Amino acid sequence: MMSSSKMYVCRRCQKNFKTGEGKPDIRFPGLGRCNDCLSTAAANTSA
C-alpha cells in the first residue's frame, strides 16, 4: 500500500515539503508551512 504523503508548498519560503515535514494549511489545499518556517515562527513568538 502506498503511503498517503502529499506534497505541499510552504507559504512563507515556497519550499516543497511532504506530509510530516510541515503543517498543511486547512484553508488552502496544497499550501502550508514547512518545519523550518514553523520553528522560526515559534522562536519569534516565544522570544
Protein backbone atom coordinates (compact mmCIF):
# COMPACT_ATOMS: atom_id res chain seq x y z
CA MET A 1 0.00 0.00 0.00
CA MET A 2 1.28 3.43 -0.92
CA SER A 3 1.95 5.96 1.80
CA SER A 4 -0.51 8.83 1.79
CA SER A 5 2.11 11.56 1.82
CA LYS A 6 1.08 14.63 -0.13
CA MET A 7 3.26 17.40 -1.44
CA TYR A 8 2.72 20.90 -0.16
CA VAL A 9 4.31 24.28 -0.86
CA CYS A 10 5.37 26.46 2.03
CA ARG A 11 3.50 29.77 2.01
CA ARG A 12 6.45 31.50 3.61
CA CYS A 13 9.52 30.27 1.72
CA GLN A 14 7.89 28.42 -1.23
CA LYS A 15 9.81 25.25 -0.35
CA ASN A 16 8.22 21.92 -1.21
CA PHE A 17 7.57 19.59 1.72
CA LYS A 18 5.73 16.35 2.33
CA THR A 19 3.17 15.43 4.95
CA GLY A 20 5.06 15.07 8.22
CA GLU A 21 7.69 17.62 7.20
CA GLY A 22 5.46 20.56 7.97
CA LYS A 23 1.95 21.69 8.80
CA PRO A 24 -0.61 21.86 5.98
CA ASP A 25 -2.95 24.85 5.90
CA ILE A 26 -6.57 23.75 6.16
CA ARG A 27 -7.88 26.83 4.37
CA PHE A 28 -5.57 26.49 1.36
CA PRO A 29 -5.22 22.99 -0.16
CA GLY A 30 -1.66 22.26 -1.25
CA LEU A 31 -0.21 25.03 0.89
CA GLY A 32 1.18 25.05 4.40
CA ARG A 33 4.33 25.74 6.37
CA CYS A 34 7.49 23.66 6.36
CA ASN A 35 9.19 22.71 9.64
CA ASP A 36 11.92 25.32 9.11
CA CYS A 37 9.39 28.15 8.97
CA LEU A 38 7.36 26.64 11.81
CA SER A 39 10.41 26.56 14.08
CA THR A 40 11.46 30.11 13.20
CA ALA A 41 7.90 31.34 13.76
CA ALA A 42 7.78 29.55 17.13
CA ALA A 43 11.11 31.08 18.10
CA ASN A 44 9.88 34.54 17.12
CA THR A 45 6.63 34.30 19.07
CA SER A 46 8.15 32.81 22.21
CA ALA A 47 11.02 35.29 22.34
